[in-house]
């Protein structure tokens, strides 16, 4: 299951893979921009720890992690 969220000109791709009944492991990938090397190898998925999560929490955790990574790259808003 995958969801794409746009944030500050980037795309955050959150992917869930089943871990057990009604729980999921989460990975995310950031696409867009030209300075993604700062965040690690370009185009690689990042696995989130401390899961598995329910579906709703998994998407939220993936989105927040993506936001944080982009904010590290671009600096604070405003």
C-alpha atoms as a PDB file:
ATOM      1  CA  UNK A   1       0.000   0.000   0.000  1.00  0.00           C
ATOM      2  CA  UNK A   2       1.444   3.336  -0.967  1.00  0.00           C
ATOM      3  CA  UNK A   3       0.520   6.972  -0.496  1.00  0.00           C
ATOM      4  CA  UNK A   4       2.160  10.105  -1.920  1.00  0.00           C
ATOM      5  CA  UNK A   5       2.171  13.418  -0.036  1.00  0.00           C
ATOM      6  CA  UNK A   6       3.518  16.691  -1.445  1.00  0.00           C
ATOM      7  CA  UNK A   7       5.446  18.949   0.913  1.00  0.00           C
ATOM      8  CA  UNK A   8       7.549  22.032   0.130  1.00  0.00           C
ATOM      9  CA  UNK A   9       8.001  21.053  -3.509  1.00  0.00           C
ATOM     10  CA  UNK A  10       8.953  17.433  -2.785  1.00  0.00           C
ATOM     11  CA  UNK A  11       7.021  14.185  -2.932  1.00  0.00           C
ATOM     12  CA  UNK A  12       7.029  11.878   0.081  1.00  0.00           C
ATOM     13  CA  UNK A  13       6.212   8.312  -0.936  1.00  0.00           C
ATOM     14  CA  UNK A  14       5.098   6.245   2.076  1.00  0.00           C
ATOM     15  CA  UNK A  15       4.875   2.487   1.583  1.00  0.00           C
ATOM     16  CA  UNK A  16       3.345  -0.007   4.012  1.00  0.00           C
ATOM     17  CA  UNK A  17       4.125  -3.702   4.036  1.00  0.00           C
ATOM     18  CA  UNK A  18       2.132  -6.143   6.178  1.00  0.00           C
ATOM     19  CA  UNK A  19       3.937  -7.279   9.333  1.00  0.00           C
ATOM     20  CA  UNK A  20       1.148  -9.128  11.142  1.00  0.00           C
ATOM     21  CA  UNK A  21      -2.617  -8.985  11.185  1.00  0.00           C
ATOM     22  CA  UNK A  22      -3.669  -5.319  10.875  1.00  0.00           C
ATOM     23  CA  UNK A  23      -0.118  -3.985  11.406  1.00  0.00           C
ATOM     24  CA  UNK A  24       2.436  -2.679   8.939  1.00  0.00           C
ATOM     25  CA  UNK A  25       6.105  -1.806   8.591  1.00  0.00           C
ATOM     26  CA  UNK A  26       6.788   1.609   7.053  1.00  0.00           C
ATOM     27  CA  UNK A  27       9.309   2.915   4.533  1.00  0.00           C
ATOM     28  CA  UNK A  28       9.414   6.314   2.893  1.00  0.00           C
ATOM     29  CA  UNK A  29      11.184   7.846  -0.065  1.00  0.00           C
ATOM     30  CA  UNK A  30      11.620  11.497  -0.989  1.00  0.00           C
ATOM     31  CA  UNK A  31      11.511  12.509  -4.636  1.00  0.00           C
ATOM     32  CA  UNK A  32      12.104  15.897  -6.240  1.00  0.00           C
ATOM     33  CA  UNK A  33      14.670  18.612  -5.722  1.00  0.00           C
ATOM     34  CA  UNK A  34      18.354  18.419  -6.521  1.00  0.00           C
ATOM     35  CA  UNK A  35      20.067  18.217  -3.116  1.00  0.00           C
ATOM     36  CA  UNK A  36      18.782  14.883  -1.862  1.00  0.00           C
ATOM     37  CA  UNK A  37      22.309  13.488  -1.465  1.00  0.00           C
ATOM     38  CA  UNK A  38      22.338  15.238   1.920  1.00  0.00           C
ATOM     39  CA  UNK A  39      19.714  12.730   3.104  1.00  0.00           C
ATOM     40  CA  UNK A  40      21.591   9.647   1.960  1.00  0.00           C
ATOM     41  CA  UNK A  41      21.740   7.667  -1.222  1.00  0.00           C
ATOM     42  CA  UNK A  42      19.409   9.149  -3.790  1.00  0.00           C
ATOM     43  CA  UNK A  43      16.193   7.265  -4.535  1.00  0.00           C
ATOM     44  CA  UNK A  44      16.561   4.793  -1.667  1.00  0.00           C
ATOM     45  CA  UNK A  45      13.753   3.970   0.715  1.00  0.00           C
ATOM     46  CA  UNK A  46      14.252   4.663   4.412  1.00  0.00           C
ATOM     47  CA  UNK A  47      12.866   2.107   6.869  1.00  0.00           C
ATOM     48  CA  UNK A  48      11.244   3.484  10.008  1.00  0.00           C
ATOM     49  CA  UNK A  49      11.865   1.752  13.321  1.00  0.00           C
ATOM     50  CA  UNK A  50       9.767   1.027  16.428  1.00  0.00           C
ATOM     51  CA  UNK A  51       6.978  -0.584  14.403  1.00  0.00           C
ATOM     52  CA  UNK A  52       4.940  -2.305  13.313  1.00  0.00           C
ATOM     53  CA  UNK A  53       2.097   0.211  13.355  1.00  0.00           C
ATOM     54  CA  UNK A  54      -1.611   0.168  12.622  1.00  0.00           C
ATOM     55  CA  UNK A  55      -2.431   1.455   9.139  1.00  0.00           C
ATOM     56  CA  UNK A  56      -3.451   4.923  10.284  1.00  0.00           C
ATOM     57  CA  UNK A  57      -0.371   5.379  12.496  1.00  0.00           C
ATOM     58  CA  UNK A  58       1.919   3.945   9.829  1.00  0.00           C
ATOM     59  CA  UNK A  59       0.905   6.576   7.279  1.00  0.00           C
ATOM     60  CA  UNK A  60       1.160   9.350   9.877  1.00  0.00           C
ATOM     61  CA  UNK A  61       4.618   8.275  11.065  1.00  0.00           C
ATOM     62  CA  UNK A  62       5.855   7.987   7.463  1.00  0.00           C
ATOM     63  CA  UNK A  63       4.543  11.421   6.551  1.00  0.00           C
ATOM     64  CA  UNK A  64       6.007  13.092   9.640  1.00  0.00           C
ATOM     65  CA  UNK A  65       9.392  11.442   9.053  1.00  0.00           C
ATOM     66  CA  UNK A  66       9.340  12.701   5.458  1.00  0.00           C
ATOM     67  CA  UNK A  67       8.456  16.225   6.595  1.00  0.00           C
ATOM     68  CA  UNK A  68      11.312  16.171   9.112  1.00  0.00           C
ATOM     69  CA  UNK A  69      13.833  14.999   6.515  1.00  0.00           C
ATOM     70  CA  UNK A  70      12.803  17.745   4.088  1.00  0.00           C
ATOM     71  CA  UNK A  71      12.922  20.369   6.848  1.00  0.00           C
ATOM     72  CA  UNK A  72      16.489  19.268   7.667  1.00  0.00           C
ATOM     73  CA  UNK A  73      17.403  19.719   4.016  1.00  0.00           C
ATOM     74  CA  UNK A  74      15.701  23.089   3.469  1.00  0.00           C
ATOM     75  CA  UNK A  75      15.724  24.630   6.934  1.00  0.00           C
ATOM     76  CA  UNK A  76      12.740  25.953   8.891  1.00  0.00           C
ATOM     77  CA  UNK A  77       9.691  27.410   7.198  1.00  0.00           C
ATOM     78  CA  UNK A  78       9.293  31.117   7.126  1.00  0.00           C
END
